[in-house]
């Protein structure tokens, strides 16, 4: 992995920890937006642009906007009340577990684009999907065929989530404009 990937993973980890430990709600919302944007960049780096666009639109965009609108329309709790509700040892324990899990799992993952990965090293797998998707769907483009044939429900679910988030945002913004 490159230095950029390590720096990005460190940024995502730092913003996740900061989101869990910050006391001020506004600060948490802003850092959470940065976390979502970092995850979107990480997904792009890992060659998952559809997931990256969804994370950027929903996580960094719509969710942050809705949380900021919510905090603007409600009273902010005092910092003392928040300190009483956060169980710091629990947060630290969960964070340590996730860090341990990442240190065990990440070295076992194949590098992005590595030709020794099982999909690339076994040409029969690749050729099967290229042939089967065209035969089953009749679609010339392999990516479109896979999305339609193998990930149809998943893609439909993503589209429904994005549509619902967009409609919800428009409703909230319309209410804000006319309130």
N, C-alpha and C. Protein backbone atom coordinates (compact mmCIF):
# COMPACT_ATOMS: atom_id res chain seq x y z
N UNK A 1 0.84 -1.19 0.00
CA UNK A 1 0.00 0.00 0.00
C UNK A 1 0.88 1.24 0.00
N UNK A 2 0.36 2.30 -0.57
CA UNK A 2 1.12 3.54 -0.68
C UNK A 2 1.01 4.36 0.60
N UNK A 3 1.86 5.39 0.67
CA UNK A 3 1.82 6.29 1.82
C UNK A 3 0.48 7.02 1.88
N UNK A 4 -0.09 7.31 0.71
CA UNK A 4 -1.40 7.96 0.67
C UNK A 4 -2.47 7.09 1.32
N UNK A 5 -2.44 5.80 1.03
CA UNK A 5 -3.43 4.88 1.59
C UNK A 5 -3.29 4.81 3.11
N UNK A 6 -2.06 4.74 3.59
CA UNK A 6 -1.86 4.72 5.04
C UNK A 6 -2.31 6.02 5.69
N UNK A 7 -1.98 7.14 5.06
CA UNK A 7 -2.40 8.44 5.60
C UNK A 7 -3.92 8.55 5.61
N UNK A 8 -4.56 8.06 4.55
CA UNK A 8 -6.02 8.10 4.48
C UNK A 8 -6.65 7.22 5.54
N UNK A 9 -6.11 6.01 5.71
CA UNK A 9 -6.63 5.11 6.75
C UNK A 9 -6.43 5.72 8.14
N UNK A 10 -5.30 6.37 8.36
CA UNK A 10 -5.06 7.04 9.64
C UNK A 10 -6.04 8.19 9.86
N UNK A 11 -6.32 8.95 8.79
CA UNK A 11 -7.29 10.05 8.88
C UNK A 11 -8.67 9.52 9.24
N UNK A 12 -9.10 8.45 8.56
CA UNK A 12 -10.42 7.87 8.83
C UNK A 12 -10.49 7.36 10.26
N UNK A 13 -9.44 6.69 10.71
CA UNK A 13 -9.41 6.19 12.08
C UNK A 13 -9.45 7.33 13.09
N UNK A 14 -8.67 8.39 12.84
CA UNK A 14 -8.64 9.53 13.75
C UNK A 14 -10.00 10.23 13.82
N UNK A 15 -10.65 10.40 12.67
CA UNK A 15 -11.96 11.06 12.70
C UNK A 15 -13.01 10.18 13.35
N UNK A 16 -12.90 8.86 13.20
CA UNK A 16 -13.84 7.96 13.86
C UNK A 16 -13.69 8.05 15.38
N UNK A 17 -12.45 8.04 15.86
CA UNK A 17 -12.21 8.16 17.30
C UNK A 17 -12.66 9.52 17.81
N UNK A 18 -12.35 10.57 17.04
CA UNK A 18 -12.77 11.92 17.45
C UNK A 18 -14.29 12.03 17.52
N UNK A 19 -14.98 11.41 16.56
CA UNK A 19 -16.45 11.43 16.58
C UNK A 19 -16.98 10.78 17.84
N UNK A 20 -16.33 9.71 18.27
CA UNK A 20 -16.80 9.01 19.47
C UNK A 20 -16.44 9.76 20.75
N UNK A 21 -15.36 10.51 20.75
CA UNK A 21 -14.89 11.12 22.00
C UNK A 21 -15.25 12.59 22.18
N UNK A 22 -15.54 13.31 21.11
CA UNK A 22 -15.87 14.73 21.26
C UNK A 22 -17.13 14.90 22.08
N UNK A 23 -17.18 15.96 22.81
CA UNK A 23 -18.33 16.23 23.68
C UNK A 23 -19.37 17.16 23.03
N UNK A 24 -18.90 18.09 22.22
CA UNK A 24 -19.79 19.07 21.62
C UNK A 24 -20.48 18.46 20.40
N UNK A 25 -21.79 18.56 20.34
CA UNK A 25 -22.57 17.92 19.28
C UNK A 25 -22.22 18.52 17.91
N UNK A 26 -22.06 19.81 17.82
CA UNK A 26 -21.71 20.45 16.56
C UNK A 26 -20.35 19.95 16.07
N UNK A 27 -19.39 19.83 16.97
CA UNK A 27 -18.07 19.31 16.59
C UNK A 27 -18.17 17.88 16.10
N UNK A 28 -19.00 17.07 16.74
CA UNK A 28 -19.19 15.68 16.33
C UNK A 28 -19.77 15.63 14.91
N UNK A 29 -20.74 16.47 14.61
CA UNK A 29 -21.34 16.48 13.28
C UNK A 29 -20.31 16.85 12.22
N UNK A 30 -19.50 17.85 12.49
CA UNK A 30 -18.50 18.29 11.53
C UNK A 30 -17.44 17.21 11.31
N UNK A 31 -16.97 16.60 12.40
CA UNK A 31 -15.96 15.55 12.27
C UNK A 31 -16.55 14.32 11.60
N UNK A 32 -17.83 14.02 11.87
CA UNK A 32 -18.48 12.90 11.20
C UNK A 32 -18.57 13.14 9.70
N UNK A 33 -18.84 14.37 9.30
CA UNK A 33 -18.85 14.70 7.87
C UNK A 33 -17.49 14.49 7.24
N UNK A 34 -16.43 14.87 7.97
CA UNK A 34 -15.06 14.64 7.48
C UNK A 34 -14.77 13.14 7.39
N UNK A 35 -15.25 12.38 8.37
CA UNK A 35 -15.08 10.92 8.35
C UNK A 35 -15.74 10.33 7.10
N UNK A 36 -16.97 10.75 6.82
CA UNK A 36 -17.68 10.22 5.65
C UNK A 36 -16.97 10.59 4.36
N UNK A 37 -16.44 11.80 4.29
CA UNK A 37 -15.70 12.20 3.11
C UNK A 37 -14.42 11.38 2.98
N UNK A 38 -13.74 11.13 4.09
CA UNK A 38 -12.55 10.27 4.06
C UNK A 38 -12.88 8.86 3.60
N UNK A 39 -14.00 8.33 4.06
CA UNK A 39 -14.42 7.00 3.62
C UNK A 39 -14.73 6.99 2.12
N UNK A 40 -15.36 8.06 1.63
CA UNK A 40 -15.65 8.15 0.20
C UNK A 40 -14.35 8.14 -0.61
N UNK A 41 -13.35 8.86 -0.15
CA UNK A 41 -12.06 8.86 -0.84
C UNK A 41 -11.42 7.48 -0.76
N UNK A 42 -11.52 6.84 0.40
CA UNK A 42 -10.96 5.50 0.56
C UNK A 42 -11.65 4.50 -0.39
N UNK A 43 -12.97 4.58 -0.51
CA UNK A 43 -13.68 3.70 -1.43
C UNK A 43 -13.25 3.96 -2.87
N UNK A 44 -13.01 5.22 -3.22
CA UNK A 44 -12.52 5.53 -4.56
C UNK A 44 -11.15 4.92 -4.78
N UNK A 45 -10.29 5.04 -3.77
CA UNK A 45 -8.94 4.46 -3.86
C UNK A 45 -9.01 2.94 -3.99
N UNK A 46 -10.00 2.31 -3.38
CA UNK A 46 -10.17 0.86 -3.46
C UNK A 46 -10.97 0.42 -4.68
N UNK A 47 -11.16 1.34 -5.62
CA UNK A 47 -11.81 1.07 -6.90
C UNK A 47 -13.28 0.67 -6.75
N UNK A 48 -13.99 1.34 -5.85
CA UNK A 48 -15.42 1.14 -5.68
C UNK A 48 -16.12 2.50 -5.83
N UNK A 49 -16.16 3.03 -7.06
CA UNK A 49 -16.70 4.38 -7.24
C UNK A 49 -18.18 4.50 -6.93
N UNK A 50 -18.97 3.43 -7.14
CA UNK A 50 -20.39 3.51 -6.83
C UNK A 50 -20.61 3.67 -5.33
N UNK A 51 -19.85 2.93 -4.55
CA UNK A 51 -19.96 3.04 -3.09
C UNK A 51 -19.44 4.40 -2.64
N UNK A 52 -18.37 4.88 -3.29
CA UNK A 52 -17.79 6.18 -2.94
C UNK A 52 -18.78 7.31 -3.20
N UNK A 53 -19.46 7.26 -4.33
CA UNK A 53 -20.44 8.32 -4.63
C UNK A 53 -21.60 8.28 -3.65
N UNK A 54 -22.04 7.10 -3.30
CA UNK A 54 -23.14 6.98 -2.33
C UNK A 54 -22.71 7.50 -0.97
N UNK A 55 -21.50 7.14 -0.53
CA UNK A 55 -20.99 7.62 0.76
C UNK A 55 -20.83 9.13 0.76
N UNK A 56 -20.31 9.68 -0.33
CA UNK A 56 -20.13 11.13 -0.40
C UNK A 56 -21.48 11.85 -0.39
N UNK A 57 -22.43 11.33 -1.16
CA UNK A 57 -23.73 11.99 -1.25
C UNK A 57 -24.53 11.84 0.03
N UNK A 58 -24.61 10.61 0.55
CA UNK A 58 -25.44 10.36 1.72
C UNK A 58 -24.70 10.69 3.01
N UNK A 59 -23.51 10.12 3.18
CA UNK A 59 -22.78 10.29 4.43
C UNK A 59 -22.26 11.69 4.64
N UNK A 60 -21.47 12.18 3.68
CA UNK A 60 -20.85 13.50 3.85
C UNK A 60 -21.82 14.62 3.51
N UNK A 61 -22.75 14.38 2.61
CA UNK A 61 -23.64 15.44 2.19
C UNK A 61 -24.95 15.50 2.93
N UNK A 62 -25.83 14.58 2.62
CA UNK A 62 -27.20 14.64 3.12
C UNK A 62 -27.26 14.45 4.64
N UNK A 63 -26.55 13.46 5.17
CA UNK A 63 -26.61 13.21 6.62
C UNK A 63 -26.06 14.40 7.40
N UNK A 64 -24.94 14.95 6.95
CA UNK A 64 -24.37 16.11 7.63
C UNK A 64 -25.34 17.29 7.57
N UNK A 65 -25.93 17.51 6.42
CA UNK A 65 -26.89 18.60 6.28
C UNK A 65 -28.10 18.40 7.20
N UNK A 66 -28.65 17.19 7.22
CA UNK A 66 -29.81 16.93 8.08
C UNK A 66 -29.45 17.07 9.56
N UNK A 67 -28.27 16.61 9.96
CA UNK A 67 -27.86 16.75 11.36
C UNK A 67 -27.66 18.22 11.72
N UNK A 68 -27.07 19.00 10.82
CA UNK A 68 -26.89 20.43 11.09
C UNK A 68 -28.24 21.15 11.17
N UNK A 69 -29.17 20.79 10.28
CA UNK A 69 -30.51 21.40 10.35
C UNK A 69 -31.22 21.00 11.63
N UNK A 70 -31.03 19.76 12.06
CA UNK A 70 -31.67 19.30 13.29
C UNK A 70 -31.11 20.05 14.50
N UNK A 71 -29.80 20.20 14.55
CA UNK A 71 -29.21 20.89 15.70
C UNK A 71 -29.57 22.37 15.70
N UNK A 72 -29.78 22.94 14.52
CA UNK A 72 -30.18 24.35 14.45
C UNK A 72 -31.60 24.56 14.97
N UNK A 73 -32.44 23.53 14.83
CA UNK A 73 -33.84 23.67 15.25
C UNK A 73 -34.10 23.16 16.66
N UNK A 74 -33.09 22.59 17.29
CA UNK A 74 -33.27 22.10 18.66
C UNK A 74 -32.28 22.78 19.59
N UNK A 75 -32.51 22.62 20.87
CA UNK A 75 -31.60 23.18 21.86
C UNK A 75 -30.41 22.25 22.00
N UNK A 76 -29.22 22.82 22.07
CA UNK A 76 -28.02 22.01 22.23
C UNK A 76 -27.85 21.64 23.69
N UNK A 77 -27.60 20.38 23.96
CA UNK A 77 -27.39 19.98 25.35
C UNK A 77 -26.07 20.53 25.88
N UNK A 78 -26.02 20.75 27.17
CA UNK A 78 -24.78 21.26 27.74
C UNK A 78 -23.71 20.17 27.72
N UNK A 79 -22.48 20.60 27.77
CA UNK A 79 -21.35 19.66 27.73
C UNK A 79 -21.35 18.76 28.96
N UNK A 80 -21.79 19.28 30.10
CA UNK A 80 -21.82 18.46 31.32
C UNK A 80 -22.77 17.28 31.18
N UNK A 81 -23.93 17.50 30.55
CA UNK A 81 -24.88 16.40 30.34
C UNK A 81 -24.28 15.32 29.45
N UNK A 82 -23.52 15.73 28.44
CA UNK A 82 -22.93 14.75 27.53
C UNK A 82 -21.85 13.92 28.22
N UNK A 83 -21.08 14.54 29.09
CA UNK A 83 -20.01 13.81 29.78
C UNK A 83 -20.56 12.69 30.64
N UNK A 84 -21.73 12.90 31.20
CA UNK A 84 -22.33 11.88 32.05
C UNK A 84 -22.85 10.69 31.24
N UNK A 85 -23.19 10.90 29.97
CA UNK A 85 -23.78 9.84 29.18
C UNK A 85 -22.76 9.01 28.41
N UNK A 86 -21.54 9.50 28.25
CA UNK A 86 -20.53 8.76 27.49
C UNK A 86 -19.74 7.86 28.42
N UNK A 87 -19.65 6.60 28.04
CA UNK A 87 -18.89 5.62 28.81
C UNK A 87 -17.53 5.46 28.14
N UNK A 88 -16.55 6.27 28.58
CA UNK A 88 -15.24 6.33 27.93
C UNK A 88 -14.53 4.98 27.92
N UNK A 89 -14.52 4.22 29.02
CA UNK A 89 -13.85 2.91 28.93
C UNK A 89 -14.47 1.99 27.87
N UNK A 90 -15.77 2.06 27.68
CA UNK A 90 -16.42 1.26 26.65
C UNK A 90 -16.00 1.70 25.25
N UNK A 91 -15.93 3.01 25.05
CA UNK A 91 -15.50 3.54 23.75
C UNK A 91 -14.06 3.13 23.46
N UNK A 92 -13.21 3.22 24.47
CA UNK A 92 -11.80 2.83 24.30
C UNK A 92 -11.69 1.33 24.02
N UNK A 93 -12.47 0.52 24.71
CA UNK A 93 -12.43 -0.93 24.51
C UNK A 93 -12.88 -1.30 23.10
N UNK A 94 -13.96 -0.70 22.63
CA UNK A 94 -14.44 -0.98 21.28
C UNK A 94 -13.42 -0.51 20.25
N UNK A 95 -12.87 0.67 20.46
CA UNK A 95 -11.85 1.19 19.54
C UNK A 95 -10.62 0.30 19.49
N UNK A 96 -10.18 -0.19 20.65
CA UNK A 96 -9.02 -1.09 20.69
C UNK A 96 -9.32 -2.40 19.97
N UNK A 97 -10.54 -2.91 20.14
CA UNK A 97 -10.92 -4.14 19.46
C UNK A 97 -10.92 -3.95 17.94
N UNK A 98 -11.46 -2.84 17.47
CA UNK A 98 -11.49 -2.57 16.03
C UNK A 98 -10.07 -2.40 15.49
N UNK A 99 -9.22 -1.72 16.23
CA UNK A 99 -7.83 -1.54 15.82
C UNK A 99 -7.12 -2.89 15.74
N UNK A 100 -7.34 -3.74 16.73
CA UNK A 100 -6.74 -5.07 16.72
C UNK A 100 -7.25 -5.88 15.53
N UNK A 101 -8.54 -5.81 15.29
CA UNK A 101 -9.13 -6.52 14.16
C UNK A 101 -8.53 -6.04 12.84
N UNK A 102 -8.35 -4.74 12.70
CA UNK A 102 -7.77 -4.19 11.47
C UNK A 102 -6.32 -4.63 11.29
N UNK A 103 -5.55 -4.66 12.38
CA UNK A 103 -4.15 -5.08 12.25
C UNK A 103 -4.03 -6.56 11.91
N UNK A 104 -5.01 -7.35 12.26
CA UNK A 104 -4.97 -8.77 11.91
C UNK A 104 -5.48 -9.00 10.49
N UNK A 105 -6.53 -8.30 10.09
CA UNK A 105 -7.19 -8.56 8.81
C UNK A 105 -6.49 -7.86 7.64
N UNK A 106 -6.10 -6.61 7.80
CA UNK A 106 -5.57 -5.84 6.67
C UNK A 106 -4.33 -6.46 6.03
N UNK A 107 -3.37 -7.01 6.77
CA UNK A 107 -2.22 -7.62 6.08
C UNK A 107 -2.60 -8.84 5.23
N UNK A 108 -3.73 -9.46 5.52
CA UNK A 108 -4.15 -10.64 4.75
C UNK A 108 -4.87 -10.27 3.45
N UNK A 109 -5.23 -9.02 3.30
CA UNK A 109 -5.95 -8.60 2.09
C UNK A 109 -4.98 -8.45 0.93
N UNK A 110 -5.47 -8.70 -0.27
CA UNK A 110 -4.66 -8.51 -1.47
C UNK A 110 -4.55 -7.02 -1.76
N UNK A 111 -3.44 -6.62 -2.32
CA UNK A 111 -3.27 -5.23 -2.72
C UNK A 111 -4.22 -4.92 -3.87
N UNK A 112 -4.64 -3.66 -3.95
CA UNK A 112 -5.56 -3.24 -5.00
C UNK A 112 -4.89 -3.41 -6.36
N UNK A 113 -5.54 -4.13 -7.25
CA UNK A 113 -5.03 -4.31 -8.60
C UNK A 113 -3.95 -5.37 -8.74
N UNK A 114 -3.65 -6.09 -7.69
CA UNK A 114 -2.62 -7.11 -7.74
C UNK A 114 -3.06 -8.26 -8.64
N UNK A 115 -2.19 -8.69 -9.54
CA UNK A 115 -2.58 -9.73 -10.50
C UNK A 115 -2.60 -11.12 -9.88
N UNK A 116 -2.12 -11.27 -8.66
CA UNK A 116 -2.16 -12.58 -8.00
C UNK A 116 -3.45 -12.82 -7.23
N UNK A 117 -4.38 -11.89 -7.27
CA UNK A 117 -5.65 -12.10 -6.57
C UNK A 117 -6.39 -13.25 -7.23
N UNK A 118 -7.25 -13.95 -6.47
CA UNK A 118 -7.93 -15.12 -7.04
C UNK A 118 -8.72 -14.83 -8.31
N UNK A 119 -9.33 -13.66 -8.40
CA UNK A 119 -10.14 -13.36 -9.59
C UNK A 119 -9.25 -13.24 -10.81
N UNK A 120 -8.10 -12.57 -10.67
CA UNK A 120 -7.21 -12.38 -11.81
C UNK A 120 -6.40 -13.63 -12.12
N UNK A 121 -6.00 -14.36 -11.09
CA UNK A 121 -5.11 -15.50 -11.32
C UNK A 121 -5.85 -16.69 -11.92
N UNK A 122 -7.17 -16.74 -11.80
CA UNK A 122 -7.94 -17.82 -12.39
C UNK A 122 -8.75 -17.26 -13.56
N UNK A 123 -8.24 -17.39 -14.78
CA UNK A 123 -8.93 -16.79 -15.93
C UNK A 123 -10.30 -17.41 -16.20
N UNK A 124 -10.52 -18.63 -15.71
CA UNK A 124 -11.83 -19.26 -15.93
C UNK A 124 -12.95 -18.50 -15.22
N UNK A 125 -12.66 -17.96 -14.04
CA UNK A 125 -13.68 -17.20 -13.29
C UNK A 125 -14.07 -15.96 -14.07
N UNK A 126 -13.08 -15.21 -14.53
CA UNK A 126 -13.36 -13.99 -15.27
C UNK A 126 -14.13 -14.28 -16.54
N UNK A 127 -13.67 -15.27 -17.28
CA UNK A 127 -14.32 -15.61 -18.55
C UNK A 127 -15.74 -16.12 -18.33
N UNK A 128 -15.96 -16.85 -17.23
CA UNK A 128 -17.31 -17.33 -16.93
C UNK A 128 -18.27 -16.16 -16.77
N UNK A 129 -17.87 -15.16 -15.98
CA UNK A 129 -18.77 -14.04 -15.75
C UNK A 129 -18.97 -13.22 -17.02
N UNK A 130 -17.94 -13.07 -17.81
CA UNK A 130 -18.10 -12.31 -19.05
C UNK A 130 -19.06 -13.03 -20.00
N UNK A 131 -18.89 -14.33 -20.15
CA UNK A 131 -19.78 -15.11 -21.03
C UNK A 131 -21.19 -15.20 -20.47
N UNK A 132 -21.28 -15.58 -19.19
CA UNK A 132 -22.60 -15.83 -18.60
C UNK A 132 -23.45 -14.58 -18.54
N UNK A 133 -22.85 -13.45 -18.23
CA UNK A 133 -23.66 -12.24 -18.14
C UNK A 133 -24.20 -11.83 -19.49
N UNK A 134 -23.42 -12.00 -20.54
CA UNK A 134 -23.93 -11.67 -21.88
C UNK A 134 -25.02 -12.65 -22.29
N UNK A 135 -24.79 -13.93 -22.02
CA UNK A 135 -25.78 -14.94 -22.41
C UNK A 135 -27.09 -14.76 -21.64
N UNK A 136 -27.00 -14.40 -20.36
CA UNK A 136 -28.21 -14.27 -19.54
C UNK A 136 -28.95 -12.97 -19.78
N UNK A 137 -28.21 -11.90 -20.03
CA UNK A 137 -28.86 -10.60 -20.14
C UNK A 137 -28.94 -10.07 -21.55
N UNK A 138 -28.00 -10.46 -22.41
CA UNK A 138 -27.94 -9.91 -23.75
C UNK A 138 -27.34 -8.53 -23.80
N UNK A 139 -26.81 -8.06 -22.68
CA UNK A 139 -26.22 -6.73 -22.60
C UNK A 139 -24.75 -6.83 -23.00
N UNK A 140 -24.29 -5.95 -23.87
CA UNK A 140 -22.92 -5.99 -24.37
C UNK A 140 -21.90 -5.57 -23.30
N UNK A 141 -22.23 -4.57 -22.51
CA UNK A 141 -21.30 -4.05 -21.50
C UNK A 141 -21.29 -4.98 -20.29
N UNK A 142 -20.10 -5.49 -19.94
CA UNK A 142 -19.98 -6.46 -18.85
C UNK A 142 -20.36 -5.86 -17.50
N UNK A 143 -19.98 -4.60 -17.26
CA UNK A 143 -20.28 -3.97 -15.97
C UNK A 143 -21.79 -3.80 -15.82
N UNK A 144 -22.44 -3.31 -16.85
CA UNK A 144 -23.89 -3.15 -16.81
C UNK A 144 -24.59 -4.49 -16.65
N UNK A 145 -24.08 -5.50 -17.32
CA UNK A 145 -24.68 -6.83 -17.22
C UNK A 145 -24.56 -7.38 -15.80
N UNK A 146 -23.40 -7.20 -15.17
CA UNK A 146 -23.22 -7.68 -13.80
C UNK A 146 -24.15 -6.92 -12.86
N UNK A 147 -24.23 -5.60 -13.03
CA UNK A 147 -25.13 -4.82 -12.19
C UNK A 147 -26.58 -5.25 -12.37
N UNK A 148 -26.96 -5.56 -13.59
CA UNK A 148 -28.35 -5.94 -13.84
C UNK A 148 -28.64 -7.38 -13.42
N UNK A 149 -27.70 -8.31 -13.70
CA UNK A 149 -27.97 -9.72 -13.47
C UNK A 149 -27.65 -10.17 -12.05
N UNK A 150 -26.50 -9.77 -11.55
CA UNK A 150 -26.05 -10.32 -10.27
C UNK A 150 -26.28 -9.37 -9.10
N UNK A 151 -26.34 -8.09 -9.39
CA UNK A 151 -26.51 -7.13 -8.30
C UNK A 151 -27.77 -6.30 -8.47
N UNK A 152 -28.76 -6.86 -9.12
CA UNK A 152 -29.98 -6.11 -9.41
C UNK A 152 -30.70 -5.60 -8.18
N UNK A 153 -30.92 -6.48 -7.21
CA UNK A 153 -31.62 -6.06 -5.99
C UNK A 153 -30.78 -5.09 -5.18
N UNK A 154 -29.47 -5.33 -5.13
CA UNK A 154 -28.57 -4.43 -4.41
C UNK A 154 -28.58 -3.04 -5.04
N UNK A 155 -28.48 -2.99 -6.36
CA UNK A 155 -28.49 -1.71 -7.06
C UNK A 155 -29.84 -1.02 -6.89
N UNK A 156 -30.91 -1.78 -6.94
CA UNK A 156 -32.24 -1.21 -6.73
C UNK A 156 -32.35 -0.63 -5.31
N UNK A 157 -31.83 -1.37 -4.33
CA UNK A 157 -31.84 -0.89 -2.95
C UNK A 157 -31.05 0.39 -2.79
N UNK A 158 -29.88 0.46 -3.41
CA UNK A 158 -29.08 1.69 -3.35
C UNK A 158 -29.83 2.86 -3.98
N UNK A 159 -30.48 2.61 -5.10
CA UNK A 159 -31.23 3.66 -5.77
C UNK A 159 -32.39 4.15 -4.89
N UNK A 160 -33.06 3.23 -4.22
CA UNK A 160 -34.17 3.60 -3.33
C UNK A 160 -33.65 4.45 -2.16
N UNK A 161 -32.51 4.07 -1.58
CA UNK A 161 -31.94 4.83 -0.47
C UNK A 161 -31.56 6.24 -0.91
N UNK A 162 -30.90 6.35 -2.05
CA UNK A 162 -30.51 7.67 -2.55
C UNK A 162 -31.74 8.51 -2.86
N UNK A 163 -32.75 7.91 -3.47
CA UNK A 163 -33.98 8.64 -3.78
C UNK A 163 -34.67 9.11 -2.50
N UNK A 164 -34.79 8.21 -1.51
CA UNK A 164 -35.44 8.58 -0.25
C UNK A 164 -34.67 9.68 0.47
N UNK A 165 -33.36 9.60 0.46
CA UNK A 165 -32.56 10.64 1.11
C UNK A 165 -32.73 11.98 0.40
N UNK A 166 -32.78 11.95 -0.93
CA UNK A 166 -32.97 13.18 -1.68
C UNK A 166 -34.33 13.80 -1.43
N UNK A 167 -35.38 12.99 -1.42
CA UNK A 167 -36.72 13.50 -1.15
C UNK A 167 -36.81 14.04 0.27
N UNK A 168 -36.23 13.34 1.23
CA UNK A 168 -36.25 13.80 2.62
C UNK A 168 -35.54 15.14 2.76
N UNK A 169 -34.41 15.26 2.10
CA UNK A 169 -33.67 16.52 2.17
C UNK A 169 -34.47 17.65 1.55
N UNK A 170 -35.09 17.40 0.42
CA UNK A 170 -35.91 18.44 -0.20
C UNK A 170 -37.08 18.84 0.69
N UNK A 171 -37.70 17.86 1.35
CA UNK A 171 -38.80 18.18 2.26
C UNK A 171 -38.32 19.02 3.44
N UNK A 172 -37.18 18.66 4.00
CA UNK A 172 -36.65 19.43 5.13
C UNK A 172 -36.26 20.83 4.69
N UNK A 173 -35.60 20.93 3.55
CA UNK A 173 -35.20 22.26 3.07
C UNK A 173 -36.41 23.11 2.72
N UNK A 174 -37.44 22.50 2.12
CA UNK A 174 -38.65 23.25 1.80
C UNK A 174 -39.31 23.76 3.08
N UNK A 175 -39.33 22.91 4.11
CA UNK A 175 -39.91 23.30 5.39
C UNK A 175 -39.08 24.44 6.00
N UNK A 176 -37.75 24.39 5.84
CA UNK A 176 -36.88 25.44 6.37
C UNK A 176 -37.13 26.76 5.65
N UNK A 177 -37.33 26.72 4.35
CA UNK A 177 -37.52 27.93 3.57
C UNK A 177 -38.86 28.60 3.92
N UNK A 178 -39.89 27.80 4.09
CA UNK A 178 -41.22 28.34 4.33
C UNK A 178 -41.59 28.46 5.80
N UNK A 179 -40.67 28.10 6.71
CA UNK A 179 -40.99 28.16 8.14
C UNK A 179 -40.88 29.57 8.68
